Every structure is written in structure tokens, then in C-alpha cells.
PDB file of all heavy atoms in Angstrom:
ATOM      1  N   ARG A   1       1.861  17.263   4.060  1.00  0.00           N
ATOM      2  CA  ARG A   1       1.729  18.250   2.864  1.00  0.00           C
ATOM      3  C   ARG A   1       2.742  17.891   1.724  1.00  0.00           C
ATOM      4  O   ARG A   1       2.647  18.424   0.704  1.00  0.00           O
ATOM      5  CB  ARG A   1       2.003  19.639   3.383  1.00  0.00           C
ATOM      6  CG  ARG A   1       1.111  20.188   4.380  1.00  0.00           C
ATOM      7  CD  ARG A   1       1.484  21.363   5.053  1.00  0.00           C
ATOM      8  NE  ARG A   1       2.830  21.314   5.727  1.00  0.00           N
ATOM      9  CZ  ARG A   1       3.474  22.329   6.326  1.00  0.00           C
ATOM     10  NH1 ARG A   1       3.028  23.565   6.384  1.00  0.00           N
ATOM     11  NH2 ARG A   1       4.712  22.124   6.761  1.00  0.00           N
ATOM     12  N   ASP A   2       3.713  16.968   2.057  1.00  0.00           N
ATOM     13  CA  ASP A   2       4.761  16.600   0.987  1.00  0.00           C
ATOM     14  C   ASP A   2       4.430  15.213   0.372  1.00  0.00           C
ATOM     15  O   ASP A   2       4.366  14.178   1.001  1.00  0.00           O
ATOM     16  CB  ASP A   2       6.084  16.608   1.812  1.00  0.00           C
ATOM     17  CG  ASP A   2       7.252  16.320   0.815  1.00  0.00           C
ATOM     18  OD1 ASP A   2       7.469  15.199   0.423  1.00  0.00           O
ATOM     19  OD2 ASP A   2       7.894  17.249   0.359  1.00  0.00           O
ATOM     20  N   ASP A   3       4.287  15.261  -0.858  1.00  0.00           N
ATOM     21  CA  ASP A   3       3.910  14.016  -1.672  1.00  0.00           C
ATOM     22  C   ASP A   3       4.930  12.859  -1.477  1.00  0.00           C
ATOM     23  O   ASP A   3       4.692  11.729  -1.320  1.00  0.00           O
ATOM     24  CB  ASP A   3       3.628  14.288  -3.041  1.00  0.00           C
ATOM     25  CG  ASP A   3       2.409  15.161  -3.268  1.00  0.00           C
ATOM     26  OD1 ASP A   3       1.396  15.103  -2.469  1.00  0.00           O
ATOM     27  OD2 ASP A   3       2.389  15.939  -4.338  1.00  0.00           O
ATOM     28  N   GLY A   4       6.168  13.373  -1.582  1.00  0.00           N
ATOM     29  CA  GLY A   4       7.217  12.296  -1.390  1.00  0.00           C
ATOM     30  C   GLY A   4       7.245  11.682  -0.024  1.00  0.00           C
ATOM     31  O   GLY A   4       7.563  10.406   0.103  1.00  0.00           O
ATOM     32  N   ASP A   5       7.212  12.496   0.967  1.00  0.00           N
ATOM     33  CA  ASP A   5       7.094  11.939   2.319  1.00  0.00           C
ATOM     34  C   ASP A   5       5.948  10.977   2.450  1.00  0.00           C
ATOM     35  O   ASP A   5       6.166   9.925   3.081  1.00  0.00           O
ATOM     36  CB  ASP A   5       6.750  13.038   3.344  1.00  0.00           C
ATOM     37  CG  ASP A   5       8.203  13.815   3.760  1.00  0.00           C
ATOM     38  OD1 ASP A   5       9.280  13.503   3.126  1.00  0.00           O
ATOM     39  OD2 ASP A   5       8.152  14.700   4.586  1.00  0.00           O
ATOM     40  N   LEU A   6       4.883  11.417   1.904  1.00  0.00           N
ATOM     41  CA  LEU A   6       3.610  10.460   2.039  1.00  0.00           C
ATOM     42  C   LEU A   6       3.842   9.131   1.364  1.00  0.00           C
ATOM     43  O   LEU A   6       3.526   8.002   1.820  1.00  0.00           O
ATOM     44  CB  LEU A   6       2.419  11.161   1.452  1.00  0.00           C
ATOM     45  CG  LEU A   6       1.865  12.205   2.332  1.00  0.00           C
ATOM     46  CD1 LEU A   6       0.747  13.056   1.541  1.00  0.00           C
ATOM     47  CD2 LEU A   6       1.309  11.812   3.642  1.00  0.00           C
ATOM     48  N   ARG A   7       4.481   9.103   0.151  1.00  0.00           N
ATOM     49  CA  ARG A   7       4.764   7.941  -0.567  1.00  0.00           C
ATOM     50  C   ARG A   7       5.579   6.930   0.312  1.00  0.00           C
ATOM     51  O   ARG A   7       5.348   5.719   0.310  1.00  0.00           O
ATOM     52  CB  ARG A   7       5.323   8.128  -1.875  1.00  0.00           C
ATOM     53  CG  ARG A   7       4.347   8.581  -3.038  1.00  0.00           C
ATOM     54  CD  ARG A   7       5.055   8.531  -4.352  1.00  0.00           C
ATOM     55  NE  ARG A   7       6.106   9.486  -4.558  1.00  0.00           N
ATOM     56  CZ  ARG A   7       6.028  10.690  -4.882  1.00  0.00           C
ATOM     57  NH1 ARG A   7       4.835  11.256  -5.120  1.00  0.00           N
ATOM     58  NH2 ARG A   7       7.176  11.470  -5.045  1.00  0.00           N
ATOM     59  N   ARG A   8       6.680   7.532   0.865  1.00  0.00           N
ATOM     60  CA  ARG A   8       7.654   6.728   1.777  1.00  0.00           C
ATOM     61  C   ARG A   8       6.917   6.204   2.978  1.00  0.00           C
ATOM     62  O   ARG A   8       7.140   5.081   3.270  1.00  0.00           O
ATOM     63  CB  ARG A   8       8.841   7.598   2.026  1.00  0.00           C
ATOM     64  CG  ARG A   8       9.824   7.754   0.837  1.00  0.00           C
ATOM     65  CD  ARG A   8      11.069   8.499   1.255  1.00  0.00           C
ATOM     66  NE  ARG A   8      10.784   9.826   1.659  1.00  0.00           N
ATOM     67  CZ  ARG A   8      10.929  10.855   0.775  1.00  0.00           C
ATOM     68  NH1 ARG A   8      11.041  10.690  -0.393  1.00  0.00           N
ATOM     69  NH2 ARG A   8      10.586  12.054   1.344  1.00  0.00           N
ATOM     70  N   ALA A   9       6.199   7.074   3.641  1.00  0.00           N
ATOM     71  CA  ALA A   9       5.562   6.629   4.817  1.00  0.00           C
ATOM     72  C   ALA A   9       4.478   5.630   4.636  1.00  0.00           C
ATOM     73  O   ALA A   9       4.237   4.781   5.549  1.00  0.00           O
ATOM     74  CB  ALA A   9       4.942   7.852   5.500  1.00  0.00           C
ATOM     75  N   LEU A  10       3.875   5.679   3.593  1.00  0.00           N
ATOM     76  CA  LEU A  10       2.703   4.792   3.299  1.00  0.00           C
ATOM     77  C   LEU A  10       3.099   3.442   2.596  1.00  0.00           C
ATOM     78  O   LEU A  10       2.276   2.570   2.482  1.00  0.00           O
ATOM     79  CB  LEU A  10       1.658   5.492   2.424  1.00  0.00           C
ATOM     80  CG  LEU A  10       0.824   6.528   3.197  1.00  0.00           C
ATOM     81  CD1 LEU A  10       0.094   7.414   2.057  1.00  0.00           C
ATOM     82  CD2 LEU A  10      -0.214   5.928   3.993  1.00  0.00           C
ATOM     83  N   ASP A  11       4.446   3.265   2.338  1.00  0.00           N
ATOM     84  CA  ASP A  11       4.783   2.072   1.613  1.00  0.00           C
ATOM     85  C   ASP A  11       4.620   0.928   2.516  1.00  0.00           C
ATOM     86  O   ASP A  11       5.157   0.713   3.646  1.00  0.00           O
ATOM     87  CB  ASP A  11       6.312   2.227   1.301  1.00  0.00           C
ATOM     88  CG  ASP A  11       6.863   1.036   0.562  1.00  0.00           C
ATOM     89  OD1 ASP A  11       6.061   0.437  -0.372  1.00  0.00           O
ATOM     90  OD2 ASP A  11       7.928   0.614   0.634  1.00  0.00           O
ATOM     91  N   GLY A  12       3.759  -0.055   2.133  1.00  0.00           N
ATOM     92  CA  GLY A  12       3.444  -1.254   2.826  1.00  0.00           C
ATOM     93  C   GLY A  12       2.421  -1.092   3.906  1.00  0.00           C
ATOM     94  O   GLY A  12       2.127  -1.912   4.688  1.00  0.00           O
ATOM     95  N   VAL A  13       1.805   0.114   4.097  1.00  0.00           N
ATOM     96  CA  VAL A  13       0.896   0.329   5.246  1.00  0.00           C
ATOM     97  C   VAL A  13      -0.457  -0.234   4.809  1.00  0.00           C
ATOM     98  O   VAL A  13      -1.024  -0.019   3.654  1.00  0.00           O
ATOM     99  CB  VAL A  13       0.916   1.855   5.430  1.00  0.00           C
ATOM    100  CG1 VAL A  13      -0.348   2.270   6.301  1.00  0.00           C
ATOM    101  CG2 VAL A  13       2.056   2.330   6.113  1.00  0.00           C
ATOM    102  N   THR A  14      -1.163  -0.831   5.791  1.00  0.00           N
ATOM    103  CA  THR A  14      -2.473  -1.280   5.584  1.00  0.00           C
ATOM    104  C   THR A  14      -3.534  -0.310   6.201  1.00  0.00           C
ATOM    105  O   THR A  14      -4.643  -0.384   5.768  1.00  0.00           O
ATOM    106  CB  THR A  14      -2.655  -2.826   6.074  1.00  0.00           C
ATOM    107  OG1 THR A  14      -2.291  -2.683   7.556  1.00  0.00           O
ATOM    108  CG2 THR A  14      -1.660  -3.683   5.373  1.00  0.00           C
ATOM    109  N   HIS A  15      -3.256   0.180   7.352  1.00  0.00           N
ATOM    110  CA  HIS A  15      -4.185   1.040   8.157  1.00  0.00           C
ATOM    111  C   HIS A  15      -3.484   2.278   8.588  1.00  0.00           C
ATOM    112  O   HIS A  15      -2.277   2.333   8.799  1.00  0.00           O
ATOM    113  CB  HIS A  15      -4.581   0.280   9.378  1.00  0.00           C
ATOM    114  CG  HIS A  15      -5.434  -0.963   9.045  1.00  0.00           C
ATOM    115  ND1 HIS A  15      -4.848  -1.991   8.445  1.00  0.00           N
ATOM    116  CD2 HIS A  15      -6.659  -1.164   9.252  1.00  0.00           C
ATOM    117  CE1 HIS A  15      -5.904  -2.822   8.322  1.00  0.00           C
ATOM    118  NE2 HIS A  15      -7.013  -2.495   8.762  1.00  0.00           N
ATOM    119  N   VAL A  16      -4.247   3.435   8.598  1.00  0.00           N
ATOM    120  CA  VAL A  16      -3.690   4.810   8.796  1.00  0.00           C
ATOM    121  C   VAL A  16      -4.569   5.411   9.930  1.00  0.00           C
ATOM    122  O   VAL A  16      -5.805   5.367   9.916  1.00  0.00           O
ATOM    123  CB  VAL A  16      -3.697   5.732   7.616  1.00  0.00           C
ATOM    124  CG1 VAL A  16      -3.150   7.020   7.976  1.00  0.00           C
ATOM    125  CG2 VAL A  16      -2.890   5.023   6.479  1.00  0.00           C
ATOM    126  N   VAL A  17      -3.917   6.037  10.917  1.00  0.00           N
ATOM    127  CA  VAL A  17      -4.662   6.870  11.842  1.00  0.00           C
ATOM    128  C   VAL A  17      -4.128   8.253  11.744  1.00  0.00           C
ATOM    129  O   VAL A  17      -2.911   8.527  11.918  1.00  0.00           O
ATOM    130  CB  VAL A  17      -4.502   6.276  13.271  1.00  0.00           C
ATOM    131  CG1 VAL A  17      -5.229   7.239  14.258  1.00  0.00           C
ATOM    132  CG2 VAL A  17      -4.899   4.979  13.507  1.00  0.00           C
ATOM    133  N   ASN A  18      -5.002   9.120  11.414  1.00  0.00           N
ATOM    134  CA  ASN A  18      -4.492  10.638  11.119  1.00  0.00           C
ATOM    135  C   ASN A  18      -4.887  11.521  12.403  1.00  0.00           C
ATOM    136  O   ASN A  18      -5.945  11.835  12.562  1.00  0.00           O
ATOM    137  CB  ASN A  18      -5.248  11.180   9.968  1.00  0.00           C
ATOM    138  CG  ASN A  18      -4.919  12.555   9.751  1.00  0.00           C
ATOM    139  OD1 ASN A  18      -3.801  13.123  10.037  1.00  0.00           O
ATOM    140  ND2 ASN A  18      -5.648  13.396   9.051  1.00  0.00           N
ATOM    141  N   CYS A  19      -3.829  11.815  13.036  1.00  0.00           N
ATOM    142  CA  CYS A  19      -3.888  12.641  14.242  1.00  0.00           C
ATOM    143  C   CYS A  19      -3.282  14.005  14.013  1.00  0.00           C
ATOM    144  O   CYS A  19      -3.174  14.809  15.042  1.00  0.00           O
ATOM    145  CB  CYS A  19      -3.232  11.953  15.471  1.00  0.00           C
ATOM    146  SG  CYS A  19      -3.842  10.368  16.012  1.00  0.00           S
ATOM    147  N   ALA A  20      -2.901  14.201  12.816  1.00  0.00           N
ATOM    148  CA  ALA A  20      -2.012  15.432  12.510  1.00  0.00           C
ATOM    149  C   ALA A  20      -2.998  16.632  12.627  1.00  0.00           C
ATOM    150  O   ALA A  20      -4.249  16.553  12.129  1.00  0.00           O
ATOM    151  CB  ALA A  20      -1.482  15.462  11.101  1.00  0.00           C
ATOM    152  N   VAL A  21      -2.545  17.695  13.188  1.00  0.00           N
ATOM    153  CA  VAL A  21      -3.207  18.969  13.200  1.00  0.00           C
ATOM    154  C   VAL A  21      -2.227  20.171  13.263  1.00  0.00           C
ATOM    155  O   VAL A  21      -1.010  20.022  13.673  1.00  0.00           O
ATOM    156  CB  VAL A  21      -4.029  19.019  14.563  1.00  0.00           C
ATOM    157  CG1 VAL A  21      -3.155  19.136  15.789  1.00  0.00           C
ATOM    158  CG2 VAL A  21      -4.987  20.188  14.484  1.00  0.00           C
ATOM    159  N   GLY A  22      -2.651  21.212  12.759  1.00  0.00           N
ATOM    160  CA  GLY A  22      -1.814  22.480  12.778  1.00  0.00           C
ATOM    161  C   GLY A  22      -2.493  23.645  12.053  1.00  0.00           C
ATOM    162  O   GLY A  22      -3.870  23.676  12.259  1.00  0.00           O
ATOM    163  N   ASP A  23      -1.858  24.345  11.286  1.00  0.00           N
ATOM    164  CA  ASP A  23      -2.597  25.441  10.555  1.00  0.00           C
ATOM    165  C   ASP A  23      -3.416  24.851   9.359  1.00  0.00           C
ATOM    166  O   ASP A  23      -3.245  23.662   9.092  1.00  0.00           O
ATOM    167  CB  ASP A  23      -1.671  26.580  10.029  1.00  0.00           C
ATOM    168  CG  ASP A  23      -0.517  25.969   9.162  1.00  0.00           C
ATOM    169  OD1 ASP A  23      -0.763  24.908   8.394  1.00  0.00           O
ATOM    170  OD2 ASP A  23       0.506  26.545   8.939  1.00  0.00           O
ATOM    171  N   PRO A  24      -4.122  25.680   8.663  1.00  0.00           N
ATOM    172  CA  PRO A  24      -4.987  24.993   7.595  1.00  0.00           C
ATOM    173  C   PRO A  24      -4.209  24.301   6.531  1.00  0.00           C
ATOM    174  O   PRO A  24      -4.732  23.258   5.981  1.00  0.00           O
ATOM    175  CB  PRO A  24      -5.806  26.118   7.021  1.00  0.00           C
ATOM    176  CG  PRO A  24      -5.867  27.152   8.113  1.00  0.00           C
ATOM    177  CD  PRO A  24      -4.575  26.955   8.889  1.00  0.00           C
ATOM    178  N   SER A  25      -2.938  24.605   6.411  1.00  0.00           N
ATOM    179  CA  SER A  25      -2.262  23.830   5.303  1.00  0.00           C
ATOM    180  C   SER A  25      -2.019  22.423   5.719  1.00  0.00           C
ATOM    181  O   SER A  25      -1.834  21.501   4.892  1.00  0.00           O
ATOM    182  CB  SER A  25      -0.807  24.612   5.062  1.00  0.00           C
ATOM    183  OG  SER A  25      -0.001  24.464   6.086  1.00  0.00           O
ATOM    184  N   THR A  26      -1.970  22.245   7.014  1.00  0.00           N
ATOM    185  CA  THR A  26      -1.752  20.900   7.477  1.00  0.00           C
ATOM    186  C   THR A  26      -3.142  20.144   7.829  1.00  0.00           C
ATOM    187  O   THR A  26      -3.348  18.982   7.281  1.00  0.00           O
ATOM    188  CB  THR A  26      -0.943  20.875   8.831  1.00  0.00           C
ATOM    189  OG1 THR A  26       0.338  21.293   8.680  1.00  0.00           O
ATOM    190  CG2 THR A  26      -0.884  19.431   9.592  1.00  0.00           C
ATOM    191  N   THR A  27      -3.952  20.768   8.511  1.00  0.00           N
ATOM    192  CA  THR A  27      -5.280  20.319   8.842  1.00  0.00           C
ATOM    193  C   THR A  27      -6.122  20.101   7.775  1.00  0.00           C
ATOM    194  O   THR A  27      -6.840  18.937   7.666  1.00  0.00           O
ATOM    195  CB  THR A  27      -6.009  21.207   9.886  1.00  0.00           C
ATOM    196  OG1 THR A  27      -5.140  21.432  11.116  1.00  0.00           O
ATOM    197  CG2 THR A  27      -7.326  20.562  10.398  1.00  0.00           C
ATOM    198  N   VAL A  28      -6.155  20.864   6.778  1.00  0.00           N
ATOM    199  CA  VAL A  28      -7.174  20.672   5.643  1.00  0.00           C
ATOM    200  C   VAL A  28      -6.305  20.150   4.352  1.00  0.00           C
ATOM    201  O   VAL A  28      -6.609  19.037   3.901  1.00  0.00           O
ATOM    202  CB  VAL A  28      -7.778  22.017   5.107  1.00  0.00           C
ATOM    203  CG1 VAL A  28      -8.623  21.875   3.999  1.00  0.00           C
ATOM    204  CG2 VAL A  28      -8.495  22.680   6.416  1.00  0.00           C
ATOM    205  N   ASP A  29      -5.330  20.911   3.886  1.00  0.00           N
ATOM    206  CA  ASP A  29      -4.592  20.423   2.669  1.00  0.00           C
ATOM    207  C   ASP A  29      -3.811  19.220   2.935  1.00  0.00           C
ATOM    208  O   ASP A  29      -3.761  18.242   2.147  1.00  0.00           O
ATOM    209  CB  ASP A  29      -3.695  21.601   2.178  1.00  0.00           C
ATOM    210  CG  ASP A  29      -4.423  22.868   1.866  1.00  0.00           C
ATOM    211  OD1 ASP A  29      -5.543  22.848   1.456  1.00  0.00           O
ATOM    212  OD2 ASP A  29      -3.751  24.010   2.055  1.00  0.00           O
ATOM    213  N   GLY A  30      -3.147  19.157   4.080  1.00  0.00           N
ATOM    214  CA  GLY A  30      -2.372  17.845   4.451  1.00  0.00           C
ATOM    215  C   GLY A  30      -3.300  16.690   4.634  1.00  0.00           C
ATOM    216  O   GLY A  30      -2.965  15.650   4.040  1.00  0.00           O
ATOM    217  N   THR A  31      -4.365  16.862   5.126  1.00  0.00           N
ATOM    218  CA  THR A  31      -5.413  15.731   5.212  1.00  0.00           C
ATOM    219  C   THR A  31      -5.782  15.280   3.990  1.00  0.00           C
ATOM    220  O   THR A  31      -5.778  14.039   3.757  1.00  0.00           O
ATOM    221  CB  THR A  31      -6.654  16.114   6.132  1.00  0.00           C
ATOM    222  OG1 THR A  31      -6.100  16.396   7.500  1.00  0.00           O
ATOM    223  CG2 THR A  31      -7.630  15.075   6.124  1.00  0.00           C
ATOM    224  N   ARG A  32      -6.072  16.154   3.014  1.00  0.00           N
ATOM    225  CA  ARG A  32      -6.608  15.843   1.620  1.00  0.00           C
ATOM    226  C   ARG A  32      -5.457  15.044   1.048  1.00  0.00           C
ATOM    227  O   ARG A  32      -5.602  14.046   0.215  1.00  0.00           O
ATOM    228  CB  ARG A  32      -7.015  16.948   0.881  1.00  0.00           C
ATOM    229  CG  ARG A  32      -7.438  16.605  -0.504  1.00  0.00           C
ATOM    230  CD  ARG A  32      -8.008  17.818  -1.197  1.00  0.00           C
ATOM    231  NE  ARG A  32      -9.358  18.237  -0.719  1.00  0.00           N
ATOM    232  CZ  ARG A  32      -9.644  19.268   0.029  1.00  0.00           C
ATOM    233  NH1 ARG A  32      -8.730  20.098   0.411  1.00  0.00           N
ATOM    234  NH2 ARG A  32     -10.867  19.467   0.430  1.00  0.00           N
ATOM    235  N   LYS A  33      -4.193  15.469   1.056  1.00  0.00           N
ATOM    236  CA  LYS A  33      -3.015  14.804   0.400  1.00  0.00           C
ATOM    237  C   LYS A  33      -2.816  13.535   1.140  1.00  0.00           C
ATOM    238  O   LYS A  33      -2.532  12.475   0.389  1.00  0.00           O
ATOM    239  CB  LYS A  33      -1.771  15.586   0.532  1.00  0.00           C
ATOM    240  CG  LYS A  33      -1.713  16.835  -0.356  1.00  0.00           C
ATOM    241  CD  LYS A  33      -0.319  17.614  -0.162  1.00  0.00           C
ATOM    242  CE  LYS A  33      -0.179  18.683  -1.234  1.00  0.00           C
ATOM    243  NZ  LYS A  33       0.254  18.039  -2.538  1.00  0.00           N
ATOM    244  N   LEU A  34      -3.068  13.361   2.325  1.00  0.00           N
ATOM    245  CA  LEU A  34      -2.741  12.099   3.084  1.00  0.00           C
ATOM    246  C   LEU A  34      -3.781  11.049   2.656  1.00  0.00           C
ATOM    247  O   LEU A  34      -3.418   9.824   2.283  1.00  0.00           O
ATOM    248  CB  LEU A  34      -2.878  12.302   4.641  1.00  0.00           C
ATOM    249  CG  LEU A  34      -2.945  11.036   5.485  1.00  0.00           C
ATOM    250  CD1 LEU A  34      -1.585  10.064   5.216  1.00  0.00           C
ATOM    251  CD2 LEU A  34      -3.204  11.373   6.942  1.00  0.00           C
ATOM    252  N   LEU A  35      -4.971  11.431   2.613  1.00  0.00           N
ATOM    253  CA  LEU A  35      -6.112  10.608   2.180  1.00  0.00           C
ATOM    254  C   LEU A  35      -5.995  10.168   0.703  1.00  0.00           C
ATOM    255  O   LEU A  35      -6.135   9.005   0.448  1.00  0.00           O
ATOM    256  CB  LEU A  35      -7.454  11.275   2.420  1.00  0.00           C
ATOM    257  CG  LEU A  35      -7.826  11.685   3.854  1.00  0.00           C
ATOM    258  CD1 LEU A  35      -9.149  12.421   3.870  1.00  0.00           C
ATOM    259  CD2 LEU A  35      -7.958  10.407   4.710  1.00  0.00           C
ATOM    260  N   THR A  36      -5.686  11.095  -0.127  1.00  0.00           N
ATOM    261  CA  THR A  36      -5.465  10.742  -1.467  1.00  0.00           C
ATOM    262  C   THR A  36      -4.374   9.762  -1.666  1.00  0.00           C
ATOM    263  O   THR A  36      -4.326   8.763  -2.439  1.00  0.00           O
ATOM    264  CB  THR A  36      -5.058  12.042  -2.416  1.00  0.00           C
ATOM    265  OG1 THR A  36      -6.210  12.946  -2.152  1.00  0.00           O
ATOM    266  CG2 THR A  36      -4.851  11.808  -3.726  1.00  0.00           C
ATOM    267  N   ALA A  37      -3.280  10.000  -0.971  1.00  0.00           N
ATOM    268  CA  ALA A  37      -1.997   9.024  -1.079  1.00  0.00           C
ATOM    269  C   ALA A  37      -2.482   7.690  -0.478  1.00  0.00           C
ATOM    270  O   ALA A  37      -2.062   6.683  -0.915  1.00  0.00           O
ATOM    271  CB  ALA A  37      -0.783   9.580  -0.282  1.00  0.00           C
ATOM    272  N   ALA A  38      -3.249   7.658   0.610  1.00  0.00           N
ATOM    273  CA  ALA A  38      -3.592   6.361   1.147  1.00  0.00           C
ATOM    274  C   ALA A  38      -4.542   5.559   0.228  1.00  0.00           C
ATOM    275  O   ALA A  38      -4.457   4.389   0.237  1.00  0.00           O
ATOM    276  CB  ALA A  38      -4.327   6.648   2.558  1.00  0.00           C
ATOM    277  N   HIS A  39      -5.468   6.373  -0.378  1.00  0.00           N
ATOM    278  CA  HIS A  39      -6.316   5.618  -1.420  1.00  0.00           C
ATOM    279  C   HIS A  39      -5.416   5.086  -2.531  1.00  0.00           C
ATOM    280  O   HIS A  39      -5.625   3.938  -2.923  1.00  0.00           O
ATOM    281  CB  HIS A  39      -7.261   6.642  -2.008  1.00  0.00           C
ATOM    282  CG  HIS A  39      -8.252   6.265  -2.909  1.00  0.00           C
ATOM    283  ND1 HIS A  39      -8.972   4.882  -2.698  1.00  0.00           N
ATOM    284  CD2 HIS A  39      -8.947   6.653  -3.946  1.00  0.00           C
ATOM    285  CE1 HIS A  39      -9.781   4.697  -3.648  1.00  0.00           C
ATOM    286  NE2 HIS A  39      -9.797   5.674  -4.344  1.00  0.00           N
ATOM    287  N   ALA A  40      -4.468   5.808  -3.071  1.00  0.00           N
ATOM    288  CA  ALA A  40      -3.644   5.293  -4.140  1.00  0.00           C
ATOM    289  C   ALA A  40      -2.792   4.108  -3.720  1.00  0.00           C
ATOM    290  O   ALA A  40      -2.441   3.299  -4.630  1.00  0.00           O
ATOM    291  CB  ALA A  40      -2.682   6.517  -4.627  1.00  0.00           C
ATOM    292  N   SER A  41      -2.470   4.114  -2.436  1.00  0.00           N
ATOM    293  CA  SER A  41      -1.527   2.969  -1.900  1.00  0.00           C
ATOM    294  C   SER A  41      -2.352   1.706  -1.581  1.00  0.00           C
ATOM    295  O   SER A  41      -1.755   0.768  -1.217  1.00  0.00           O
ATOM    296  CB  SER A  41      -0.605   3.508  -0.801  1.00  0.00           C
ATOM    297  OG  SER A  41      -1.624   3.642   0.409  1.00  0.00           O
ATOM    298  N   GLY A  42      -3.659   1.895  -1.551  1.00  0.00           N
ATOM    299  CA  GLY A  42      -4.529   0.661  -1.305  1.00  0.00           C
ATOM    300  C   GLY A  42      -4.711   0.424   0.182  1.00  0.00           C
ATOM    301  O   GLY A  42      -4.972  -0.610   0.596  1.00  0.00           O
ATOM    302  N   ALA A  43      -4.627   1.465   0.974  1.00  0.00           N
ATOM    303  CA  ALA A  43      -4.983   1.264   2.401  1.00  0.00           C
ATOM    304  C   ALA A  43      -6.337   0.681   2.600  1.00  0.00           C
ATOM    305  O   ALA A  43      -7.331   1.055   1.984  1.00  0.00           O
ATOM    306  CB  ALA A  43      -4.843   2.712   3.158  1.00  0.00           C
TER     307      ALA A  43
END
């Protein structure tokens, strides 16, 4: 759910597996943020 965390975690990443789950803020909003950041980083 944190944009800064995502930028750091995705630095240099080529492939992503999303197993994160939790309340809707994680499962839904967090997934959208992760996918958006992965797209921006060129995954």
C-alpha cells in the first residue's frame, strides 16, 4: 500500500509473484498499487 516501499522493492525486478492478502486495503488497493508500480518499472 506504500508507494515508496514498492519503488524500492521493485528496483531491478524483472518478474513479480503477488501472494499478498489481507483486508481490502491490501488485497484490492495494495494489488492495484503493486501492479501500477510494476508496470511503471517495466516488469
